[in-house]
Amino acid sequence: MNSNIKKLTLGAVLLALTFVITRFIQIPIPLGYFNIGNSVILLGCLLVPMGYGVIAGGVGSALADLTSYPVYTLPTLIIKSIMPAIFYLMLKLPIKKDFVKSVLAFAVATLLPLFGYTLTGCILYGFVAGLAQFPGLLLEYVANIVVFSAFYKPFKEIAKRI
């Protein structure tokens, strides 16, 4: 199969999976919802080149917000497009253990949504209301690290076969 078609197909599947998981597996928190979409995006980034991961993360997540919390659509498009770019850049660090480097890259990249959505909430709803979502976002941050870590090895095996 043509390499470009394979990349495009994987990118489209990642975008769709990001939308479905983010949109339909939600736990409400103040001013939004808790989800494992960050894990889906960044695990998928192990399978596709940077441009595809950035588009899939940004657009898939923004579509999920457009259909559930529309006021967050533009902030999500920005936050979830930058997040994979940070992840890809962090993967270039000279750390020999791939798992450690990947989990570190994930932890750093997902700080952007943690603080980005808190800031967005403060701007949209006021400082106190914006901070009210921080505990839920922090729990989401930790849960996503656990999910990413648990599925890292299978995704790396898939990446080798692609």
N, C-alpha and C. Protein backbone atom coordinates (compact mmCIF):
# COMPACT_ATOMS: atom_id res chain seq x y z
N MET A 1 0.86 -1.18 0.00
CA MET A 1 0.00 0.00 0.00
C MET A 1 0.90 1.24 0.00
N ASN A 2 0.48 2.24 -0.73
CA ASN A 2 1.21 3.50 -0.80
C ASN A 2 1.36 4.10 0.60
N SER A 3 2.57 4.54 0.93
CA SER A 3 2.88 5.09 2.24
C SER A 3 2.02 6.31 2.58
N ASN A 4 1.78 7.19 1.61
CA ASN A 4 0.96 8.37 1.87
C ASN A 4 -0.48 8.01 2.15
N ILE A 5 -1.00 7.01 1.45
CA ILE A 5 -2.37 6.57 1.69
C ILE A 5 -2.48 5.96 3.08
N LYS A 6 -1.47 5.20 3.49
CA LYS A 6 -1.46 4.58 4.82
C LYS A 6 -1.45 5.66 5.90
N LYS A 7 -0.61 6.68 5.73
CA LYS A 7 -0.55 7.78 6.71
C LYS A 7 -1.87 8.54 6.78
N LEU A 8 -2.43 8.83 5.61
CA LEU A 8 -3.70 9.55 5.56
C LEU A 8 -4.82 8.74 6.22
N THR A 9 -4.84 7.45 5.95
CA THR A 9 -5.86 6.58 6.53
C THR A 9 -5.71 6.51 8.05
N LEU A 10 -4.48 6.31 8.53
CA LEU A 10 -4.26 6.27 9.98
C LEU A 10 -4.61 7.60 10.63
N GLY A 11 -4.26 8.71 9.97
CA GLY A 11 -4.61 10.03 10.49
C GLY A 11 -6.11 10.22 10.59
N ALA A 12 -6.83 9.78 9.56
CA ALA A 12 -8.29 9.91 9.56
C ALA A 12 -8.92 9.03 10.66
N VAL A 13 -8.40 7.83 10.83
CA VAL A 13 -8.90 6.95 11.89
C VAL A 13 -8.63 7.57 13.26
N LEU A 14 -7.44 8.15 13.44
CA LEU A 14 -7.10 8.80 14.70
C LEU A 14 -8.03 9.99 14.97
N LEU A 15 -8.29 10.78 13.95
CA LEU A 15 -9.21 11.91 14.11
C LEU A 15 -10.60 11.42 14.53
N ALA A 16 -11.10 10.40 13.84
CA ALA A 16 -12.43 9.87 14.15
C ALA A 16 -12.47 9.25 15.55
N LEU A 17 -11.43 8.51 15.90
CA LEU A 17 -11.38 7.89 17.22
C LEU A 17 -11.28 8.94 18.31
N THR A 18 -10.51 9.98 18.07
CA THR A 18 -10.41 11.09 19.02
C THR A 18 -11.78 11.71 19.25
N PHE A 19 -12.50 11.97 18.16
CA PHE A 19 -13.85 12.54 18.28
C PHE A 19 -14.77 11.62 19.08
N VAL A 20 -14.83 10.35 18.70
CA VAL A 20 -15.78 9.41 19.32
C VAL A 20 -15.47 9.22 20.81
N ILE A 21 -14.21 8.96 21.14
CA ILE A 21 -13.85 8.74 22.54
C ILE A 21 -14.08 10.00 23.38
N THR A 22 -13.66 11.14 22.84
CA THR A 22 -13.81 12.40 23.58
C THR A 22 -15.27 12.79 23.72
N ARG A 23 -16.04 12.61 22.68
CA ARG A 23 -17.45 13.05 22.68
C ARG A 23 -18.36 12.15 23.48
N PHE A 24 -18.13 10.85 23.42
CA PHE A 24 -19.11 9.93 23.99
C PHE A 24 -18.69 9.26 25.29
N ILE A 25 -17.44 9.44 25.70
CA ILE A 25 -17.01 8.93 27.01
C ILE A 25 -16.60 10.15 27.84
N GLN A 26 -17.59 10.75 28.48
CA GLN A 26 -17.39 11.99 29.22
C GLN A 26 -17.92 11.83 30.65
N ILE A 27 -17.17 12.40 31.58
CA ILE A 27 -17.61 12.48 32.97
C ILE A 27 -17.68 13.97 33.30
N PRO A 28 -18.86 14.49 33.62
CA PRO A 28 -18.99 15.94 33.88
C PRO A 28 -18.12 16.41 35.05
N ILE A 29 -17.50 17.58 34.86
CA ILE A 29 -16.80 18.31 35.91
C ILE A 29 -17.26 19.76 35.78
N PRO A 30 -16.98 20.62 36.76
CA PRO A 30 -17.40 22.02 36.60
C PRO A 30 -16.87 22.62 35.29
N LEU A 31 -17.73 23.25 34.54
CA LEU A 31 -17.44 23.95 33.29
C LEU A 31 -17.01 23.04 32.14
N GLY A 32 -17.22 21.75 32.23
CA GLY A 32 -16.82 20.88 31.12
C GLY A 32 -16.96 19.41 31.46
N TYR A 33 -16.02 18.62 30.97
CA TYR A 33 -16.07 17.19 31.20
C TYR A 33 -14.67 16.59 31.25
N PHE A 34 -14.57 15.47 31.94
CA PHE A 34 -13.37 14.67 32.09
C PHE A 34 -13.41 13.62 30.99
N ASN A 35 -12.30 13.38 30.31
CA ASN A 35 -12.26 12.35 29.27
C ASN A 35 -10.85 11.81 29.11
N ILE A 36 -10.70 10.76 28.33
CA ILE A 36 -9.37 10.18 28.08
C ILE A 36 -8.89 10.48 26.66
N GLY A 37 -9.41 11.53 26.08
CA GLY A 37 -9.04 11.91 24.72
C GLY A 37 -7.56 12.20 24.54
N ASN A 38 -6.90 12.76 25.55
CA ASN A 38 -5.47 13.05 25.42
C ASN A 38 -4.67 11.77 25.20
N SER A 39 -5.07 10.70 25.88
CA SER A 39 -4.39 9.41 25.69
C SER A 39 -4.58 8.91 24.27
N VAL A 40 -5.80 9.02 23.76
CA VAL A 40 -6.09 8.58 22.40
C VAL A 40 -5.24 9.35 21.40
N ILE A 41 -5.20 10.65 21.56
CA ILE A 41 -4.44 11.50 20.63
C ILE A 41 -2.96 11.12 20.65
N LEU A 42 -2.37 11.09 21.84
CA LEU A 42 -0.92 10.91 21.91
C LEU A 42 -0.49 9.47 21.70
N LEU A 43 -1.33 8.50 22.01
CA LEU A 43 -1.02 7.12 21.60
C LEU A 43 -1.06 7.03 20.08
N GLY A 44 -2.04 7.68 19.48
CA GLY A 44 -2.13 7.70 18.01
C GLY A 44 -0.93 8.38 17.37
N CYS A 45 -0.37 9.35 18.08
CA CYS A 45 0.81 10.05 17.56
C CYS A 45 2.02 9.13 17.46
N LEU A 46 1.98 8.01 18.17
CA LEU A 46 3.05 7.02 18.03
C LEU A 46 2.97 6.32 16.67
N LEU A 47 1.83 6.44 16.01
CA LEU A 47 1.59 5.73 14.75
C LEU A 47 1.66 6.60 13.51
N VAL A 48 1.53 7.92 13.68
CA VAL A 48 1.47 8.81 12.52
C VAL A 48 2.49 9.94 12.65
N PRO A 49 2.91 10.51 11.51
CA PRO A 49 3.83 11.65 11.56
C PRO A 49 3.17 12.89 12.19
N MET A 50 4.00 13.85 12.53
CA MET A 50 3.57 15.03 13.29
C MET A 50 2.36 15.75 12.71
N GLY A 51 2.36 16.07 11.45
CA GLY A 51 1.26 16.82 10.86
C GLY A 51 -0.08 16.13 11.02
N TYR A 52 -0.07 14.82 10.85
CA TYR A 52 -1.31 14.05 10.98
C TYR A 52 -1.79 14.04 12.44
N GLY A 53 -0.86 13.89 13.37
CA GLY A 53 -1.21 13.88 14.79
C GLY A 53 -1.75 15.22 15.26
N VAL A 54 -1.15 16.30 14.76
CA VAL A 54 -1.60 17.65 15.12
C VAL A 54 -3.01 17.89 14.61
N ILE A 55 -3.27 17.54 13.36
CA ILE A 55 -4.61 17.73 12.78
C ILE A 55 -5.63 16.84 13.46
N ALA A 56 -5.29 15.57 13.65
CA ALA A 56 -6.23 14.64 14.29
C ALA A 56 -6.58 15.09 15.70
N GLY A 57 -5.57 15.49 16.48
CA GLY A 57 -5.82 15.93 17.85
C GLY A 57 -6.64 17.20 17.91
N GLY A 58 -6.28 18.18 17.11
CA GLY A 58 -6.98 19.46 17.13
C GLY A 58 -8.40 19.37 16.60
N VAL A 59 -8.54 18.80 15.42
CA VAL A 59 -9.86 18.76 14.78
C VAL A 59 -10.78 17.75 15.46
N GLY A 60 -10.26 16.56 15.79
CA GLY A 60 -11.10 15.56 16.46
C GLY A 60 -11.65 16.06 17.78
N SER A 61 -10.79 16.71 18.56
CA SER A 61 -11.22 17.24 19.86
C SER A 61 -12.16 18.44 19.70
N ALA A 62 -11.85 19.31 18.73
CA ALA A 62 -12.70 20.49 18.51
C ALA A 62 -14.10 20.07 18.06
N LEU A 63 -14.19 19.03 17.23
CA LEU A 63 -15.51 18.53 16.81
C LEU A 63 -16.28 17.98 18.01
N ALA A 64 -15.57 17.32 18.92
CA ALA A 64 -16.23 16.80 20.13
C ALA A 64 -16.80 17.95 20.95
N ASP A 65 -16.04 19.03 21.08
CA ASP A 65 -16.54 20.18 21.83
C ASP A 65 -17.64 20.92 21.08
N LEU A 66 -17.51 21.00 19.77
CA LEU A 66 -18.54 21.65 18.96
C LEU A 66 -19.90 21.00 19.18
N THR A 67 -19.91 19.70 19.42
CA THR A 67 -21.17 18.97 19.59
C THR A 67 -21.56 18.75 21.04
N SER A 68 -20.75 19.29 21.99
CA SER A 68 -21.12 19.11 23.39
C SER A 68 -20.95 20.41 24.20
N TYR A 69 -19.82 21.07 24.10
CA TYR A 69 -19.55 22.34 24.80
C TYR A 69 -19.00 23.34 23.78
N PRO A 70 -19.86 23.86 22.89
CA PRO A 70 -19.40 24.67 21.76
C PRO A 70 -18.54 25.88 22.11
N VAL A 71 -18.72 26.46 23.30
CA VAL A 71 -17.94 27.63 23.67
C VAL A 71 -16.44 27.29 23.75
N TYR A 72 -16.12 26.02 23.93
CA TYR A 72 -14.73 25.59 24.03
C TYR A 72 -14.13 25.15 22.69
N THR A 73 -14.88 25.22 21.60
CA THR A 73 -14.40 24.71 20.31
C THR A 73 -13.09 25.36 19.87
N LEU A 74 -13.02 26.67 19.84
CA LEU A 74 -11.79 27.34 19.38
C LEU A 74 -10.63 27.13 20.36
N PRO A 75 -10.84 27.31 21.67
CA PRO A 75 -9.72 27.00 22.57
C PRO A 75 -9.23 25.55 22.44
N THR A 76 -10.17 24.64 22.26
CA THR A 76 -9.78 23.23 22.10
C THR A 76 -8.99 23.02 20.82
N LEU A 77 -9.41 23.62 19.74
CA LEU A 77 -8.68 23.48 18.48
C LEU A 77 -7.23 23.93 18.67
N ILE A 78 -7.05 25.04 19.37
CA ILE A 78 -5.69 25.56 19.60
C ILE A 78 -4.91 24.65 20.56
N ILE A 79 -5.50 24.37 21.71
CA ILE A 79 -4.82 23.58 22.74
C ILE A 79 -4.47 22.19 22.23
N LYS A 80 -5.44 21.51 21.60
CA LYS A 80 -5.22 20.13 21.20
C LYS A 80 -4.46 20.00 19.88
N SER A 81 -4.16 21.13 19.23
CA SER A 81 -3.25 21.11 18.09
C SER A 81 -1.81 21.32 18.56
N ILE A 82 -1.64 22.14 19.57
CA ILE A 82 -0.30 22.40 20.10
C ILE A 82 0.19 21.21 20.94
N MET A 83 -0.71 20.58 21.68
CA MET A 83 -0.34 19.48 22.56
C MET A 83 0.43 18.37 21.82
N PRO A 84 -0.06 17.86 20.68
CA PRO A 84 0.71 16.82 19.99
C PRO A 84 2.06 17.33 19.47
N ALA A 85 2.11 18.60 19.06
CA ALA A 85 3.38 19.15 18.59
C ALA A 85 4.41 19.13 19.71
N ILE A 86 4.01 19.48 20.92
CA ILE A 86 4.92 19.41 22.07
C ILE A 86 5.35 17.97 22.30
N PHE A 87 4.42 17.04 22.22
CA PHE A 87 4.71 15.62 22.40
C PHE A 87 5.77 15.16 21.40
N TYR A 88 5.56 15.47 20.13
CA TYR A 88 6.52 15.05 19.10
C TYR A 88 7.90 15.66 19.36
N LEU A 89 7.95 16.93 19.73
CA LEU A 89 9.23 17.58 20.01
C LEU A 89 9.92 16.96 21.21
N MET A 90 9.15 16.63 22.24
CA MET A 90 9.72 16.00 23.43
C MET A 90 10.26 14.60 23.12
N LEU A 91 9.69 13.92 22.15
CA LEU A 91 10.17 12.58 21.78
C LEU A 91 11.57 12.63 21.17
N LYS A 92 12.02 13.80 20.78
CA LYS A 92 13.36 13.95 20.22
C LYS A 92 14.43 14.13 21.29
N LEU A 93 14.02 14.19 22.55
CA LEU A 93 14.99 14.34 23.64
C LEU A 93 15.96 13.16 23.66
N PRO A 94 17.20 13.39 24.06
CA PRO A 94 18.18 12.30 24.07
C PRO A 94 18.07 11.42 25.32
N ILE A 95 16.91 10.82 25.50
CA ILE A 95 16.69 9.88 26.60
C ILE A 95 16.63 8.50 25.97
N LYS A 96 17.44 7.59 26.47
CA LYS A 96 17.58 6.28 25.83
C LYS A 96 16.36 5.37 26.00
N LYS A 97 15.72 5.40 27.13
CA LYS A 97 14.58 4.51 27.36
C LYS A 97 13.33 5.12 26.74
N ASP A 98 12.83 4.47 25.70
CA ASP A 98 11.67 4.99 24.96
C ASP A 98 10.44 5.18 25.85
N PHE A 99 10.17 4.22 26.72
CA PHE A 99 8.99 4.31 27.56
C PHE A 99 9.08 5.54 28.48
N VAL A 100 10.21 5.71 29.13
CA VAL A 100 10.41 6.85 30.03
C VAL A 100 10.28 8.16 29.26
N LYS A 101 10.92 8.22 28.10
CA LYS A 101 10.86 9.43 27.28
C LYS A 101 9.43 9.72 26.84
N SER A 102 8.69 8.69 26.45
CA SER A 102 7.32 8.88 25.97
C SER A 102 6.39 9.32 27.09
N VAL A 103 6.52 8.72 28.26
CA VAL A 103 5.67 9.12 29.39
C VAL A 103 6.01 10.54 29.83
N LEU A 104 7.29 10.89 29.83
CA LEU A 104 7.69 12.26 30.15
C LEU A 104 7.13 13.24 29.12
N ALA A 105 7.24 12.87 27.84
CA ALA A 105 6.69 13.72 26.77
C ALA A 105 5.19 13.89 26.94
N PHE A 106 4.51 12.82 27.28
CA PHE A 106 3.06 12.87 27.51
C PHE A 106 2.75 13.80 28.68
N ALA A 107 3.47 13.61 29.80
CA ALA A 107 3.20 14.42 30.99
C ALA A 107 3.42 15.90 30.72
N VAL A 108 4.47 16.24 29.99
CA VAL A 108 4.74 17.65 29.69
C VAL A 108 3.71 18.20 28.71
N ALA A 109 3.43 17.45 27.64
CA ALA A 109 2.49 17.93 26.62
C ALA A 109 1.09 18.13 27.17
N THR A 110 0.68 17.27 28.09
CA THR A 110 -0.69 17.39 28.61
C THR A 110 -0.82 18.40 29.75
N LEU A 111 0.29 19.03 30.11
CA LEU A 111 0.17 20.19 31.01
C LEU A 111 -0.55 21.33 30.30
N LEU A 112 -0.41 21.40 28.97
CA LEU A 112 -1.07 22.46 28.20
C LEU A 112 -2.60 22.42 28.38
N PRO A 113 -3.26 21.26 28.17
CA PRO A 113 -4.71 21.26 28.43
C PRO A 113 -5.06 21.51 29.90
N LEU A 114 -4.25 20.99 30.81
CA LEU A 114 -4.53 21.19 32.23
C LEU A 114 -4.61 22.68 32.56
N PHE A 115 -3.60 23.42 32.16
CA PHE A 115 -3.58 24.85 32.47
C PHE A 115 -4.35 25.68 31.42
N GLY A 116 -4.37 25.22 30.18
CA GLY A 116 -5.08 25.94 29.12
C GLY A 116 -6.58 26.00 29.35
N TYR A 117 -7.16 24.89 29.79
CA TYR A 117 -8.60 24.90 30.05
C TYR A 117 -8.93 25.64 31.35
N THR A 118 -8.02 25.59 32.31
CA THR A 118 -8.23 26.38 33.53
C THR A 118 -8.24 27.87 33.18
N LEU A 119 -7.27 28.29 32.38
CA LEU A 119 -7.21 29.69 31.95
C LEU A 119 -8.44 30.06 31.12
N THR A 120 -8.83 29.18 30.22
CA THR A 120 -10.02 29.43 29.39
C THR A 120 -11.26 29.60 30.28
N GLY A 121 -11.41 28.73 31.27
CA GLY A 121 -12.53 28.84 32.20
C GLY A 121 -12.51 30.15 32.97
N CYS A 122 -11.31 30.60 33.37
CA CYS A 122 -11.18 31.88 34.09
C CYS A 122 -11.59 33.04 33.19
N ILE A 123 -11.22 32.98 31.92
CA ILE A 123 -11.56 34.05 30.98
C ILE A 123 -13.06 34.05 30.70
N LEU A 124 -13.63 32.88 30.47
CA LEU A 124 -15.04 32.79 30.10
C LEU A 124 -15.99 33.01 31.27
N TYR A 125 -15.62 32.51 32.45
CA TYR A 125 -16.58 32.47 33.56
C TYR A 125 -16.12 33.19 34.81
N GLY A 126 -14.93 33.75 34.79
CA GLY A 126 -14.39 34.41 35.98
C GLY A 126 -13.37 33.53 36.69
N PHE A 127 -12.52 34.17 37.46
CA PHE A 127 -11.38 33.50 38.08
C PHE A 127 -11.79 32.33 38.97
N VAL A 128 -12.71 32.56 39.88
CA VAL A 128 -13.11 31.51 40.84
C VAL A 128 -13.76 30.34 40.12
N ALA A 129 -14.66 30.63 39.20
CA ALA A 129 -15.32 29.56 38.45
C ALA A 129 -14.32 28.78 37.61
N GLY A 130 -13.39 29.49 36.99
CA GLY A 130 -12.37 28.82 36.19
C GLY A 130 -11.51 27.88 37.02
N LEU A 131 -11.17 28.32 38.22
CA LEU A 131 -10.37 27.46 39.10
C LEU A 131 -11.15 26.25 39.62
N ALA A 132 -12.49 26.35 39.62
CA ALA A 132 -13.32 25.25 40.11
C ALA A 132 -13.15 23.99 39.27
N GLN A 133 -12.75 24.14 38.03
CA GLN A 133 -12.59 22.96 37.18
C GLN A 133 -11.20 22.33 37.33
N PHE A 134 -10.27 23.02 37.99
CA PHE A 134 -8.89 22.52 38.07
C PHE A 134 -8.78 21.13 38.72
N PRO A 135 -9.47 20.86 39.84
CA PRO A 135 -9.34 19.51 40.42
C PRO A 135 -9.78 18.40 39.45
N GLY A 136 -10.86 18.62 38.73
CA GLY A 136 -11.31 17.63 37.75
C GLY A 136 -10.32 17.48 36.61
N LEU A 137 -9.76 18.59 36.16
CA LEU A 137 -8.75 18.54 35.10
C LEU A 137 -7.47 17.86 35.58
N LEU A 138 -7.12 18.06 36.84
CA LEU A 138 -5.94 17.41 37.40
C LEU A 138 -6.15 15.90 37.47
N LEU A 139 -7.34 15.49 37.89
CA LEU A 139 -7.67 14.07 37.91
C LEU A 139 -7.62 13.49 36.49
N GLU A 140 -8.15 14.23 35.54
CA GLU A 140 -8.09 13.81 34.13
C GLU A 140 -6.64 13.65 33.68
N TYR A 141 -5.79 14.60 34.05
CA TYR A 141 -4.37 14.58 33.70
C TYR A 141 -3.72 13.28 34.20
N VAL A 142 -3.94 12.94 35.47
CA VAL A 142 -3.36 11.74 36.06
C VAL A 142 -3.94 10.49 35.40
N ALA A 143 -5.25 10.45 35.21
CA ALA A 143 -5.89 9.29 34.58
C ALA A 143 -5.36 9.07 33.17
N ASN A 144 -5.15 10.14 32.43
CA ASN A 144 -4.63 10.01 31.07
C ASN A 144 -3.19 9.49 31.06
N ILE A 145 -2.39 9.88 32.04
CA ILE A 145 -1.03 9.34 32.13
C ILE A 145 -1.08 7.84 32.38
N VAL A 146 -1.98 7.41 33.25
CA VAL A 146 -2.13 5.98 33.54
C VAL A 146 -2.57 5.22 32.29
N VAL A 147 -3.57 5.75 31.58
CA VAL A 147 -4.06 5.09 30.36
C VAL A 147 -2.95 5.04 29.31
N PHE A 148 -2.26 6.15 29.10
CA PHE A 148 -1.18 6.18 28.12
C PHE A 148 -0.11 5.15 28.47
N SER A 149 0.29 5.10 29.72
CA SER A 149 1.32 4.16 30.16
C SER A 149 0.89 2.71 29.96
N ALA A 150 -0.38 2.43 30.25
CA ALA A 150 -0.89 1.07 30.11
C ALA A 150 -0.95 0.60 28.66
N PHE A 151 -1.23 1.51 27.75
CA PHE A 151 -1.38 1.13 26.34
C PHE A 151 -0.15 1.43 25.48
N TYR A 152 0.89 1.97 26.10
CA TYR A 152 2.09 2.35 25.35
C TYR A 152 2.71 1.15 24.61
N LYS A 153 2.96 0.08 25.32
CA LYS A 153 3.64 -1.07 24.71
C LYS A 153 2.86 -1.65 23.53
N PRO A 154 1.55 -1.89 23.67
CA PRO A 154 0.81 -2.40 22.50
C PRO A 154 0.86 -1.45 21.30
N PHE A 155 0.80 -0.15 21.56
CA PHE A 155 0.85 0.80 20.45
C PHE A 155 2.23 0.84 19.80
N LYS A 156 3.28 0.67 20.59
CA LYS A 156 4.62 0.61 20.01
C LYS A 156 4.76 -0.65 19.13
N GLU A 157 4.16 -1.75 19.56
CA GLU A 157 4.19 -2.98 18.74
C GLU A 157 3.43 -2.77 17.43
N ILE A 158 2.30 -2.10 17.50
CA ILE A 158 1.53 -1.80 16.29
C ILE A 158 2.35 -0.91 15.37
N ALA A 159 3.01 0.09 15.95
CA ALA A 159 3.82 1.02 15.16
C ALA A 159 4.94 0.30 14.41
N LYS A 160 5.52 -0.72 15.03
CA LYS A 160 6.59 -1.48 14.37
C LYS A 160 6.07 -2.23 13.15
N ARG A 161 4.83 -2.67 13.22
CA ARG A 161 4.23 -3.48 12.14
C ARG A 161 3.69 -2.64 11.00
N ILE A 162 3.48 -1.36 11.25
CA ILE A 162 2.89 -0.49 10.22
C ILE A 162 3.96 -0.04 9.26
